[in-house]
Amino acid sequence: MMDKSLITPETPAEIELLSVAKTGEIYTFDKGILPVDADTNGIIRGTFLRAILLDAVPDFKLHEKGLRLKGLRIEGTFD
């Protein structure tokens, strides 16, 4: 079982991602512009993304089309 902190959305991008990923649509954050280093709003943690792909987030089911992202920066471990 994954650590609860890894599967709890922490950034605005992670919170929005949970809504959009259920639809199968492309998740475009902030018009698809990559965030600058100081902006943490458009960041998704690698561990959180991994939890989504492994179906480890409670009460969340990824759409059959999978996950499509645009304008986000993935930080940290994704292993």
Protein backbone atom coordinates (compact mmCIF):
# COMPACT_ATOMS: atom_id res chain seq x y z
CA MET A 1 0.00 0.00 0.00
CA MET A 2 1.24 3.49 -0.86
CA ASP A 3 1.96 6.18 1.69
CA LYS A 4 -1.14 8.40 2.01
CA SER A 5 0.92 11.55 1.41
CA LEU A 6 1.86 10.23 -2.03
CA ILE A 7 -1.74 9.76 -3.16
CA THR A 8 -3.20 12.99 -1.77
CA PRO A 9 -3.25 15.89 -4.28
CA GLU A 10 -1.14 18.81 -3.04
CA THR A 11 -0.81 21.30 -5.89
CA PRO A 12 -3.53 23.07 -7.91
CA ALA A 13 -2.46 21.02 -10.94
CA GLU A 14 -2.84 17.73 -9.05
CA ILE A 15 -6.30 18.71 -7.81
CA GLU A 16 -7.49 19.66 -11.31
CA LEU A 17 -5.85 16.59 -12.81
CA LEU A 18 -8.08 14.26 -10.79
CA SER A 19 -11.19 15.85 -12.33
CA VAL A 20 -10.00 15.94 -15.93
CA ALA A 21 -8.33 12.50 -15.99
CA LYS A 22 -11.70 10.84 -15.39
CA THR A 23 -12.98 12.25 -18.70
CA GLY A 24 -10.22 11.08 -21.04
CA GLU A 25 -9.66 14.64 -22.26
CA ILE A 26 -6.22 16.23 -22.55
CA TYR A 27 -5.43 18.09 -19.35
CA THR A 28 -4.02 21.45 -20.42
CA PHE A 29 -2.81 23.49 -17.49
CA ASP A 30 -2.53 27.28 -17.85
CA LYS A 31 -2.98 27.31 -21.65
CA GLY A 32 -0.26 24.68 -22.07
CA ILE A 33 2.59 26.98 -21.09
CA LEU A 34 5.24 25.22 -19.03
CA PRO A 35 5.63 26.69 -15.54
CA VAL A 36 8.72 28.70 -14.67
CA ASP A 37 10.92 27.45 -11.84
CA ALA A 38 9.35 29.68 -9.19
CA ASP A 39 5.77 28.68 -10.08
CA THR A 40 4.66 25.59 -8.18
CA ASN A 41 1.05 25.66 -9.42
CA GLY A 42 1.80 23.69 -12.60
CA ILE A 43 3.80 20.95 -10.91
CA ILE A 44 2.74 17.34 -10.52
CA ARG A 45 4.80 15.08 -8.28
CA GLY A 46 6.12 11.98 -9.98
CA THR A 47 4.93 9.88 -7.04
CA PHE A 48 1.39 11.26 -7.40
CA LEU A 49 1.35 10.59 -11.14
CA ARG A 50 2.59 7.06 -10.51
CA ALA A 51 -0.20 6.50 -7.97
CA ILE A 52 -2.78 7.56 -10.57
CA LEU A 53 -1.37 5.22 -13.19
CA LEU A 54 -1.24 2.30 -10.74
CA ASP A 55 -4.86 2.88 -9.66
CA ALA A 56 -3.75 3.62 -6.09
CA VAL A 57 -5.73 6.85 -5.54
CA PRO A 58 -8.92 6.13 -3.56
CA ASP A 59 -12.24 6.96 -5.24
CA PHE A 60 -10.53 7.63 -8.56
CA LYS A 61 -10.76 5.68 -11.79
CA LEU A 62 -8.58 6.70 -14.73
CA HIS A 63 -10.44 6.94 -18.06
CA GLU A 64 -9.77 4.12 -20.53
CA LYS A 65 -8.01 6.60 -22.86
CA GLY A 66 -5.35 6.98 -20.19
CA LEU A 67 -3.71 10.19 -19.14
CA ARG A 68 -2.81 13.04 -21.49
CA LEU A 69 -1.06 16.11 -20.09
CA LYS A 70 0.03 19.46 -21.50
CA GLY A 71 1.74 22.44 -19.84
CA LEU A 72 2.81 20.67 -16.64
CA ARG A 73 6.13 19.90 -15.05
CA ILE A 74 6.64 16.52 -13.40
CA GLU A 75 9.01 16.67 -10.45
CA GLY A 76 10.57 13.99 -8.32
CA THR A 77 10.69 10.24 -8.57
CA PHE A 78 8.43 8.41 -11.00
CA ASP A 79 9.87 4.95 -10.41
